[in-house]
Structure formats: structure tokens, C-alpha cells
Amino acid sequence: VALRLGLEVGLRASEIASLKKGDLDLRRLDDAKLFVRKGKRGSNGVVFVPKSLAAHLRSYLKEVRPKLVQGKDPGTLLLGREGKPLTGASVNKRMRTILKNAGLPKRRLNELSPVHCLRHTCGVMLYRATKNLRLVQKQLRHARSTTTEVYANLLDEDWREGVEAAFS
């Protein structure tokens, strides 16, 4: 769930860790939203959740999360094995383990923040799909558009396809 929240919604590790069950609006899967609290510089905001992730979150809340709660429910969306809330550091640590198991070289694991890489991938994928920087800015909750412009960096593939489309 944490991996998908980073990749498909663009959340930071600290935002994933601070999510509460009540922050999700999954009443309609085709219009699922998520209230993000404690973003960068204390900002809050609402983002959209892809339909398939919304369905996954519904299943998690119904089938998985209740089994993780031990004692008093802390109210956070994600819980560790012992029923305790995750932290931003623990979310990144778990992502590093996933990446290590996937075969990413150890030196690269120490150079990057895994969840931030997912967030960056989310921004690039959103931009490639829509070519709309304002949409990417809103989903990633950037205060300045200049921050978002990094996601519009040309990939050689896009460049080549653009030249071909213009002159074929």
C-alpha cells in the first residue's frame, strides 16, 4: 500500500506515515480522494487516487488492517506488524528492503530516498500522460510551478517521437 501511495499518488514518506483512516474518501472509486496532512512546510491538501488503488485500499481496510490492530486502534492508515503506526523513516526503510530484494545495487540504495524516487516517477508519468504541468503541480502539491518543471524534462524517446510526429 505504501509503495502504491508513493508511486500512484505521489506522497512523501512522512505523508504516507501520517495518513489517518478518515483521510480517505473511497465512497466512489471513480472519484476517490485523499486528504494529505503534514506535507512539506506543514501544508495540507487533497489529491486524487486512481481507481485501482482506491479498490486496493478498500480491500486493505476491510481485510488486512483489522488483523494488524492490536489493542487500541491508533487510527493511522498503515500499521506495522506489531500494530504500531509507521514513521517516515520506517516507510523508507521498508522501500529500501523491497528495492534490495528487487536487485538494486547496494551503493544506489544508500544514495536515494526510495519513496521520493516513487514520487518523482509519479510526476514524470503524470506529465507524460497529460503534458499538463499544472495538473502535476496540483497532484504533487508543489507551492511553486518551477519545482514542478523538473518533471517536464525531455526524455530522448519523447523528443524523438515529437520530431517524427512533426515531420512525418
N, C-alpha and C. Protein backbone atom coordinates (compact mmCIF):
# COMPACT_ATOMS: atom_id res chain seq x y z
N VAL A 1 0.84 -1.19 0.00
CA VAL A 1 0.00 0.00 0.00
C VAL A 1 0.88 1.25 0.00
N ALA A 2 1.91 1.25 0.82
CA ALA A 2 2.80 2.42 0.90
C ALA A 2 3.48 2.67 -0.44
N LEU A 3 3.93 1.60 -1.08
CA LEU A 3 4.59 1.73 -2.37
C LEU A 3 3.63 2.36 -3.39
N ARG A 4 2.41 1.90 -3.43
CA ARG A 4 1.44 2.43 -4.39
C ARG A 4 1.07 3.88 -4.06
N LEU A 5 1.02 4.25 -2.79
CA LEU A 5 0.72 5.64 -2.43
C LEU A 5 1.84 6.57 -2.88
N GLY A 6 3.07 6.09 -2.82
CA GLY A 6 4.19 6.89 -3.31
C GLY A 6 4.19 6.99 -4.82
N LEU A 7 3.99 5.87 -5.48
CA LEU A 7 4.08 5.81 -6.94
C LEU A 7 2.86 6.38 -7.65
N GLU A 8 1.67 6.07 -7.19
CA GLU A 8 0.46 6.43 -7.92
C GLU A 8 -0.21 7.71 -7.43
N VAL A 9 0.14 8.15 -6.23
CA VAL A 9 -0.45 9.38 -5.69
C VAL A 9 0.62 10.46 -5.53
N GLY A 10 1.88 10.03 -5.39
CA GLY A 10 2.98 10.98 -5.27
C GLY A 10 3.22 11.47 -3.86
N LEU A 11 2.88 10.65 -2.87
CA LEU A 11 3.06 11.07 -1.48
C LEU A 11 4.51 10.91 -1.04
N ARG A 12 4.92 11.78 -0.12
CA ARG A 12 6.23 11.68 0.53
C ARG A 12 6.13 10.62 1.64
N ALA A 13 7.28 10.12 2.09
CA ALA A 13 7.30 9.09 3.14
C ALA A 13 6.59 9.58 4.41
N SER A 14 6.85 10.81 4.82
CA SER A 14 6.22 11.33 6.04
C SER A 14 4.70 11.48 5.86
N GLU A 15 4.26 11.79 4.65
CA GLU A 15 2.83 11.92 4.38
C GLU A 15 2.15 10.55 4.42
N ILE A 16 2.82 9.54 3.87
CA ILE A 16 2.28 8.18 3.91
C ILE A 16 2.13 7.74 5.36
N ALA A 17 3.15 7.99 6.16
CA ALA A 17 3.13 7.56 7.56
C ALA A 17 2.06 8.29 8.38
N SER A 18 1.77 9.53 8.05
CA SER A 18 0.82 10.29 8.86
C SER A 18 -0.64 10.16 8.41
N LEU A 19 -0.90 9.39 7.36
CA LEU A 19 -2.28 9.22 6.90
C LEU A 19 -3.14 8.57 7.97
N LYS A 20 -4.35 9.08 8.10
CA LYS A 20 -5.35 8.51 9.01
C LYS A 20 -6.40 7.78 8.17
N LYS A 21 -7.08 6.84 8.79
CA LYS A 21 -8.14 6.12 8.06
C LYS A 21 -9.18 7.11 7.51
N GLY A 22 -9.50 8.11 8.30
CA GLY A 22 -10.51 9.09 7.90
C GLY A 22 -10.07 10.05 6.81
N ASP A 23 -8.80 9.99 6.42
CA ASP A 23 -8.30 10.86 5.35
C ASP A 23 -8.72 10.37 3.97
N LEU A 24 -9.22 9.15 3.90
CA LEU A 24 -9.63 8.57 2.62
C LEU A 24 -11.10 8.82 2.36
N ASP A 25 -11.41 9.19 1.13
CA ASP A 25 -12.80 9.27 0.67
C ASP A 25 -12.92 8.26 -0.46
N LEU A 26 -13.39 7.06 -0.12
CA LEU A 26 -13.49 5.97 -1.09
C LEU A 26 -14.94 5.63 -1.40
N ARG A 27 -15.86 6.57 -1.14
CA ARG A 27 -17.27 6.29 -1.41
C ARG A 27 -17.51 5.95 -2.86
N ARG A 28 -16.84 6.67 -3.76
CA ARG A 28 -16.95 6.40 -5.20
C ARG A 28 -15.55 6.12 -5.73
N LEU A 29 -15.34 4.91 -6.22
CA LEU A 29 -14.00 4.55 -6.69
C LEU A 29 -13.52 5.43 -7.84
N ASP A 30 -14.46 5.89 -8.67
CA ASP A 30 -14.05 6.73 -9.80
C ASP A 30 -13.84 8.19 -9.41
N ASP A 31 -13.99 8.51 -8.14
CA ASP A 31 -13.76 9.87 -7.65
C ASP A 31 -13.13 9.82 -6.26
N ALA A 32 -12.23 8.86 -6.06
CA ALA A 32 -11.60 8.69 -4.75
C ALA A 32 -10.60 9.81 -4.49
N LYS A 33 -10.61 10.29 -3.25
CA LYS A 33 -9.73 11.38 -2.84
C LYS A 33 -9.04 11.02 -1.55
N LEU A 34 -7.98 11.76 -1.29
CA LEU A 34 -7.19 11.54 -0.10
C LEU A 34 -6.79 12.90 0.46
N PHE A 35 -7.04 13.10 1.74
CA PHE A 35 -6.62 14.33 2.41
C PHE A 35 -5.21 14.11 2.92
N VAL A 36 -4.28 14.94 2.47
CA VAL A 36 -2.88 14.81 2.88
C VAL A 36 -2.59 15.86 3.94
N ARG A 37 -2.17 15.38 5.09
CA ARG A 37 -1.83 16.29 6.19
C ARG A 37 -0.32 16.29 6.41
N LYS A 38 0.15 17.32 7.03
CA LYS A 38 1.57 17.41 7.37
C LYS A 38 2.48 17.23 6.17
N GLY A 39 2.13 17.92 5.08
CA GLY A 39 3.00 17.90 3.92
C GLY A 39 4.22 18.77 4.17
N LYS A 40 4.96 19.05 3.14
CA LYS A 40 6.15 19.88 3.28
C LYS A 40 5.76 21.25 3.83
N ARG A 41 6.52 21.74 4.76
CA ARG A 41 6.25 23.02 5.44
C ARG A 41 4.86 23.05 6.07
N GLY A 42 4.37 21.89 6.52
CA GLY A 42 3.10 21.83 7.25
C GLY A 42 1.85 21.99 6.40
N SER A 43 2.00 21.91 5.09
CA SER A 43 0.84 22.13 4.22
C SER A 43 -0.09 20.92 4.21
N ASN A 44 -1.37 21.18 3.98
CA ASN A 44 -2.38 20.15 3.83
C ASN A 44 -2.97 20.28 2.43
N GLY A 45 -3.59 19.21 1.93
CA GLY A 45 -4.21 19.29 0.62
C GLY A 45 -4.95 18.02 0.27
N VAL A 46 -5.68 18.08 -0.82
CA VAL A 46 -6.46 16.93 -1.30
C VAL A 46 -5.87 16.50 -2.63
N VAL A 47 -5.75 15.19 -2.82
CA VAL A 47 -5.26 14.63 -4.08
C VAL A 47 -6.22 13.54 -4.53
N PHE A 48 -6.17 13.22 -5.82
CA PHE A 48 -6.99 12.15 -6.35
C PHE A 48 -6.24 10.83 -6.27
N VAL A 49 -7.00 9.75 -6.15
CA VAL A 49 -6.46 8.40 -6.05
C VAL A 49 -6.96 7.60 -7.25
N PRO A 50 -6.06 6.93 -7.99
CA PRO A 50 -6.52 6.11 -9.12
C PRO A 50 -7.51 5.03 -8.66
N LYS A 51 -8.43 4.71 -9.54
CA LYS A 51 -9.50 3.76 -9.23
C LYS A 51 -8.97 2.42 -8.71
N SER A 52 -7.95 1.87 -9.36
CA SER A 52 -7.45 0.56 -8.94
C SER A 52 -6.82 0.62 -7.55
N LEU A 53 -6.16 1.73 -7.24
CA LEU A 53 -5.59 1.90 -5.90
C LEU A 53 -6.70 2.09 -4.87
N ALA A 54 -7.74 2.82 -5.23
CA ALA A 54 -8.88 3.01 -4.31
C ALA A 54 -9.50 1.65 -3.96
N ALA A 55 -9.65 0.78 -4.94
CA ALA A 55 -10.20 -0.55 -4.69
C ALA A 55 -9.25 -1.35 -3.79
N HIS A 56 -7.95 -1.21 -4.03
CA HIS A 56 -6.95 -1.89 -3.20
C HIS A 56 -7.03 -1.39 -1.76
N LEU A 57 -7.18 -0.08 -1.59
CA LEU A 57 -7.29 0.50 -0.25
C LEU A 57 -8.55 0.01 0.47
N ARG A 58 -9.65 -0.10 -0.25
CA ARG A 58 -10.87 -0.65 0.35
C ARG A 58 -10.63 -2.05 0.88
N SER A 59 -9.99 -2.88 0.07
CA SER A 59 -9.69 -4.26 0.49
C SER A 59 -8.75 -4.27 1.69
N TYR A 60 -7.74 -3.42 1.66
CA TYR A 60 -6.80 -3.33 2.77
C TYR A 60 -7.53 -2.96 4.06
N LEU A 61 -8.40 -1.96 3.99
CA LEU A 61 -9.12 -1.51 5.18
C LEU A 61 -10.06 -2.58 5.72
N LYS A 62 -10.64 -3.35 4.83
CA LYS A 62 -11.62 -4.37 5.24
C LYS A 62 -10.96 -5.67 5.68
N GLU A 63 -9.92 -6.10 4.96
CA GLU A 63 -9.39 -7.44 5.18
C GLU A 63 -8.04 -7.49 5.90
N VAL A 64 -7.17 -6.55 5.63
CA VAL A 64 -5.80 -6.63 6.16
C VAL A 64 -5.62 -5.82 7.44
N ARG A 65 -5.98 -4.56 7.39
CA ARG A 65 -5.72 -3.67 8.51
C ARG A 65 -6.32 -4.16 9.83
N PRO A 66 -7.58 -4.67 9.84
CA PRO A 66 -8.13 -5.14 11.12
C PRO A 66 -7.28 -6.23 11.78
N LYS A 67 -6.59 -7.03 10.99
CA LYS A 67 -5.73 -8.09 11.54
C LYS A 67 -4.45 -7.53 12.15
N LEU A 68 -4.07 -6.32 11.72
CA LEU A 68 -2.84 -5.71 12.24
C LEU A 68 -3.06 -4.97 13.56
N VAL A 69 -4.31 -4.53 13.79
CA VAL A 69 -4.61 -3.76 15.00
C VAL A 69 -4.49 -4.67 16.22
N GLN A 70 -3.68 -4.23 17.17
CA GLN A 70 -3.52 -4.97 18.42
C GLN A 70 -3.79 -4.00 19.55
N GLY A 71 -4.83 -4.26 20.31
CA GLY A 71 -5.18 -3.33 21.38
C GLY A 71 -5.93 -2.14 20.81
N LYS A 72 -5.62 -0.96 21.36
CA LYS A 72 -6.30 0.26 20.92
C LYS A 72 -5.84 0.64 19.51
N ASP A 73 -6.81 0.94 18.64
CA ASP A 73 -6.52 1.32 17.26
C ASP A 73 -5.93 2.73 17.24
N PRO A 74 -4.69 2.89 16.71
CA PRO A 74 -4.07 4.21 16.67
C PRO A 74 -4.69 5.14 15.63
N GLY A 75 -5.49 4.60 14.71
CA GLY A 75 -6.18 5.44 13.72
C GLY A 75 -5.40 5.74 12.47
N THR A 76 -4.11 5.43 12.44
CA THR A 76 -3.33 5.66 11.22
C THR A 76 -3.71 4.62 10.17
N LEU A 77 -3.60 5.00 8.93
CA LEU A 77 -3.97 4.10 7.84
C LEU A 77 -3.07 2.87 7.81
N LEU A 78 -1.77 3.09 7.85
CA LEU A 78 -0.82 1.98 7.76
C LEU A 78 -0.26 1.63 9.12
N LEU A 79 -0.16 0.33 9.35
CA LEU A 79 0.37 -0.17 10.60
C LEU A 79 1.47 -1.18 10.33
N GLY A 80 2.42 -1.24 11.25
CA GLY A 80 3.46 -2.26 11.16
C GLY A 80 2.93 -3.59 11.68
N ARG A 81 3.78 -4.59 11.67
CA ARG A 81 3.36 -5.93 12.10
C ARG A 81 2.87 -5.97 13.54
N GLU A 82 3.40 -5.13 14.37
CA GLU A 82 3.01 -5.13 15.79
C GLU A 82 1.84 -4.19 16.06
N GLY A 83 1.22 -3.70 15.00
CA GLY A 83 0.06 -2.83 15.15
C GLY A 83 0.39 -1.39 15.46
N LYS A 84 1.66 -1.04 15.36
CA LYS A 84 2.07 0.34 15.65
C LYS A 84 2.11 1.15 14.36
N PRO A 85 1.86 2.47 14.47
CA PRO A 85 1.92 3.33 13.28
C PRO A 85 3.33 3.35 12.69
N LEU A 86 3.41 3.51 11.39
CA LEU A 86 4.70 3.64 10.71
C LEU A 86 5.20 5.07 10.85
N THR A 87 6.49 5.25 10.65
CA THR A 87 7.10 6.58 10.60
C THR A 87 7.62 6.79 9.18
N GLY A 88 7.96 8.02 8.83
CA GLY A 88 8.55 8.28 7.52
C GLY A 88 9.80 7.46 7.31
N ALA A 89 10.63 7.36 8.37
CA ALA A 89 11.88 6.58 8.26
C ALA A 89 11.58 5.09 8.06
N SER A 90 10.56 4.58 8.74
CA SER A 90 10.25 3.15 8.57
C SER A 90 9.67 2.86 7.19
N VAL A 91 8.93 3.81 6.63
CA VAL A 91 8.40 3.64 5.27
C VAL A 91 9.57 3.56 4.28
N ASN A 92 10.54 4.48 4.41
CA ASN A 92 11.72 4.46 3.54
C ASN A 92 12.53 3.18 3.74
N LYS A 93 12.66 2.74 4.98
CA LYS A 93 13.41 1.51 5.26
C LYS A 93 12.75 0.32 4.58
N ARG A 94 11.44 0.24 4.65
CA ARG A 94 10.72 -0.87 4.00
C ARG A 94 10.88 -0.80 2.49
N MET A 95 10.86 0.40 1.93
CA MET A 95 11.05 0.55 0.48
C MET A 95 12.46 0.12 0.08
N ARG A 96 13.45 0.47 0.90
CA ARG A 96 14.83 0.04 0.61
C ARG A 96 14.92 -1.49 0.56
N THR A 97 14.23 -2.15 1.49
CA THR A 97 14.22 -3.62 1.51
C THR A 97 13.60 -4.16 0.23
N ILE A 98 12.50 -3.57 -0.20
CA ILE A 98 11.85 -4.01 -1.44
C ILE A 98 12.80 -3.83 -2.62
N LEU A 99 13.45 -2.67 -2.69
CA LEU A 99 14.38 -2.40 -3.79
C LEU A 99 15.60 -3.31 -3.75
N LYS A 100 16.08 -3.60 -2.55
CA LYS A 100 17.22 -4.52 -2.41
C LYS A 100 16.81 -5.91 -2.91
N ASN A 101 15.63 -6.36 -2.51
CA ASN A 101 15.13 -7.67 -2.95
C ASN A 101 14.88 -7.71 -4.46
N ALA A 102 14.65 -6.53 -5.04
CA ALA A 102 14.44 -6.45 -6.49
C ALA A 102 15.76 -6.41 -7.25
N GLY A 103 16.88 -6.31 -6.51
CA GLY A 103 18.19 -6.37 -7.15
C GLY A 103 18.88 -5.04 -7.38
N LEU A 104 18.38 -3.94 -6.81
CA LEU A 104 19.05 -2.66 -6.96
C LEU A 104 20.40 -2.72 -6.23
N PRO A 105 21.47 -2.25 -6.87
CA PRO A 105 22.79 -2.31 -6.22
C PRO A 105 22.81 -1.56 -4.89
N LYS A 106 23.56 -2.11 -3.93
CA LYS A 106 23.62 -1.54 -2.58
C LYS A 106 24.06 -0.08 -2.57
N ARG A 107 25.05 0.27 -3.42
CA ARG A 107 25.52 1.65 -3.45
C ARG A 107 24.40 2.61 -3.84
N ARG A 108 23.51 2.19 -4.74
CA ARG A 108 22.38 3.03 -5.15
C ARG A 108 21.35 3.17 -4.03
N LEU A 109 21.17 2.11 -3.24
CA LEU A 109 20.21 2.14 -2.13
C LEU A 109 20.57 3.21 -1.11
N ASN A 110 21.87 3.42 -0.92
CA ASN A 110 22.33 4.41 0.05
C ASN A 110 22.30 5.83 -0.49
N GLU A 111 22.20 5.98 -1.81
CA GLU A 111 22.23 7.30 -2.44
C GLU A 111 20.86 7.95 -2.55
N LEU A 112 19.81 7.16 -2.44
CA LEU A 112 18.49 7.72 -2.74
C LEU A 112 17.49 7.54 -1.62
N SER A 113 16.47 8.37 -1.66
CA SER A 113 15.31 8.20 -0.79
C SER A 113 14.29 7.44 -1.62
N PRO A 114 14.06 6.17 -1.31
CA PRO A 114 13.20 5.35 -2.16
C PRO A 114 11.82 5.94 -2.41
N VAL A 115 11.19 6.47 -1.39
CA VAL A 115 9.84 6.99 -1.57
C VAL A 115 9.87 8.26 -2.42
N HIS A 116 10.91 9.06 -2.28
CA HIS A 116 10.98 10.26 -3.11
C HIS A 116 11.19 9.89 -4.58
N CYS A 117 11.89 8.80 -4.83
CA CYS A 117 12.04 8.31 -6.21
C CYS A 117 10.69 7.90 -6.78
N LEU A 118 9.85 7.27 -5.94
CA LEU A 118 8.49 6.92 -6.39
C LEU A 118 7.70 8.18 -6.71
N ARG A 119 7.83 9.18 -5.86
CA ARG A 119 7.14 10.46 -6.07
C ARG A 119 7.58 11.10 -7.38
N HIS A 120 8.88 11.07 -7.63
CA HIS A 120 9.40 11.64 -8.87
C HIS A 120 8.87 10.86 -10.08
N THR A 121 8.84 9.55 -9.98
CA THR A 121 8.30 8.72 -11.06
C THR A 121 6.82 9.06 -11.29
N CYS A 122 6.08 9.26 -10.23
CA CYS A 122 4.67 9.66 -10.34
C CYS A 122 4.56 10.95 -11.14
N GLY A 123 5.38 11.93 -10.80
CA GLY A 123 5.34 13.22 -11.50
C GLY A 123 5.67 13.08 -12.98
N VAL A 124 6.69 12.30 -13.29
CA VAL A 124 7.08 12.09 -14.70
C VAL A 124 5.97 11.37 -15.45
N MET A 125 5.40 10.32 -14.84
CA MET A 125 4.34 9.57 -15.51
C MET A 125 3.09 10.42 -15.74
N LEU A 126 2.74 11.24 -14.74
CA LEU A 126 1.59 12.14 -14.90
C LEU A 126 1.83 13.13 -16.04
N TYR A 127 3.04 13.70 -16.06
CA TYR A 127 3.34 14.67 -17.11
C TYR A 127 3.33 14.01 -18.48
N ARG A 128 3.95 12.84 -18.59
CA ARG A 128 3.99 12.14 -19.89
C ARG A 128 2.59 11.80 -20.37
N ALA A 129 1.69 11.44 -19.46
CA ALA A 129 0.34 11.05 -19.83
C ALA A 129 -0.53 12.25 -20.20
N THR A 130 -0.27 13.41 -19.58
CA THR A 130 -1.17 14.55 -19.75
C THR A 130 -0.54 15.77 -20.42
N LYS A 131 0.78 15.90 -20.34
CA LYS A 131 1.51 17.11 -20.79
C LYS A 131 0.98 18.36 -20.10
N ASN A 132 0.47 18.19 -18.88
CA ASN A 132 -0.15 19.29 -18.14
C ASN A 132 0.62 19.52 -16.84
N LEU A 133 1.51 20.52 -16.83
CA LEU A 133 2.31 20.80 -15.64
C LEU A 133 1.46 21.26 -14.46
N ARG A 134 0.40 21.97 -14.73
CA ARG A 134 -0.47 22.44 -13.63
C ARG A 134 -1.11 21.26 -12.91
N LEU A 135 -1.53 20.25 -13.67
CA LEU A 135 -2.12 19.05 -13.07
C LEU A 135 -1.08 18.35 -12.17
N VAL A 136 0.15 18.21 -12.67
CA VAL A 136 1.22 17.58 -11.89
C VAL A 136 1.49 18.41 -10.63
N GLN A 137 1.52 19.72 -10.77
CA GLN A 137 1.76 20.60 -9.63
C GLN A 137 0.68 20.40 -8.56
N LYS A 138 -0.57 20.31 -8.97
CA LYS A 138 -1.66 20.13 -8.00
C LYS A 138 -1.59 18.76 -7.32
N GLN A 139 -1.32 17.70 -8.09
CA GLN A 139 -1.28 16.36 -7.51
C GLN A 139 -0.11 16.22 -6.54
N LEU A 140 1.03 16.81 -6.88
CA LEU A 140 2.20 16.70 -6.01
C LEU A 140 2.23 17.80 -4.95
N ARG A 141 1.29 18.76 -5.03
CA ARG A 141 1.15 19.84 -4.06
C ARG A 141 2.40 20.69 -3.95
N HIS A 142 2.94 21.07 -5.11
CA HIS A 142 4.08 21.99 -5.14
C HIS A 142 3.59 23.42 -4.99
N ALA A 143 4.23 24.19 -4.16
CA ALA A 143 3.85 25.59 -3.97
C ALA A 143 4.21 26.43 -5.19
N ARG A 144 5.35 26.10 -5.84
CA ARG A 144 5.82 26.88 -6.99
C ARG A 144 5.86 26.02 -8.25
N SER A 145 5.47 26.59 -9.35
CA SER A 145 5.48 25.84 -10.62
C SER A 145 6.91 25.50 -11.05
N THR A 146 7.89 26.29 -10.63
CA THR A 146 9.27 26.00 -11.01
C THR A 146 9.74 24.66 -10.43
N THR A 147 9.20 24.29 -9.28
CA THR A 147 9.52 23.00 -8.69
C THR A 147 9.01 21.87 -9.58
N THR A 148 7.86 22.07 -10.17
CA THR A 148 7.22 21.04 -10.99
C THR A 148 7.88 20.90 -12.35
N GLU A 149 8.51 21.95 -12.82
CA GLU A 149 9.08 21.93 -14.18
C GLU A 149 10.12 20.83 -14.37
N VAL A 150 10.74 20.36 -13.29
CA VAL A 150 11.73 19.29 -13.41
C VAL A 150 11.10 18.03 -13.99
N TYR A 151 9.81 17.83 -13.78
CA TYR A 151 9.12 16.64 -14.27
C TYR A 151 8.87 16.69 -15.77
N ALA A 152 9.06 17.85 -16.35
CA ALA A 152 8.83 18.01 -17.79
C ALA A 152 10.11 17.85 -18.59
N ASN A 153 11.20 17.49 -17.92
CA ASN A 153 12.45 17.28 -18.65
C ASN A 153 12.22 16.31 -19.79
N LEU A 154 12.74 16.66 -20.93
CA LEU A 154 12.56 15.81 -22.11
C LEU A 154 13.30 14.50 -21.97
N LEU A 155 12.60 13.44 -22.24
CA LEU A 155 13.23 12.15 -22.37
C LEU A 155 13.54 11.99 -23.86
N ASP A 156 14.67 11.37 -24.17
CA ASP A 156 15.05 11.21 -25.58
C ASP A 156 13.93 10.58 -26.40
N GLU A 157 13.24 9.64 -25.81
CA GLU A 157 12.14 8.96 -26.51
C GLU A 157 11.04 9.96 -26.90
N ASP A 158 10.66 10.84 -25.97
CA ASP A 158 9.64 11.84 -26.26
C ASP A 158 10.12 12.82 -27.33
N TRP A 159 11.37 13.21 -27.22
CA TRP A 159 11.98 14.15 -28.17
C TRP A 159 11.92 13.57 -29.57
N ARG A 160 12.40 12.33 -29.71
CA ARG A 160 12.42 11.66 -31.00
C ARG A 160 11.00 11.53 -31.57
N GLU A 161 10.06 11.10 -30.74
CA GLU A 161 8.67 10.94 -31.18
C GLU A 161 8.08 12.28 -31.61
N GLY A 162 8.43 13.36 -30.92
CA GLY A 162 7.93 14.68 -31.28
C GLY A 162 8.44 15.13 -32.63
N VAL A 163 9.73 14.92 -32.87
CA VAL A 163 10.30 15.29 -34.17
C VAL A 163 9.67 14.46 -35.28
N GLU A 164 9.51 13.16 -35.05
CA GLU A 164 8.89 12.30 -36.05
C GLU A 164 7.45 12.72 -36.33
N ALA A 165 6.69 13.02 -35.26
CA ALA A 165 5.29 13.41 -35.44
C ALA A 165 5.17 14.72 -36.21
N ALA A 166 6.08 15.64 -35.96
CA ALA A 166 6.01 16.94 -36.63
C ALA A 166 6.38 16.87 -38.11
N PHE A 167 7.28 15.93 -38.46
CA PHE A 167 7.80 15.98 -39.82
C PHE A 167 7.57 14.69 -40.61
N SER A 168 6.70 13.83 -40.15
CA SER A 168 6.46 12.61 -40.95
C SER A 168 5.20 12.75 -41.81
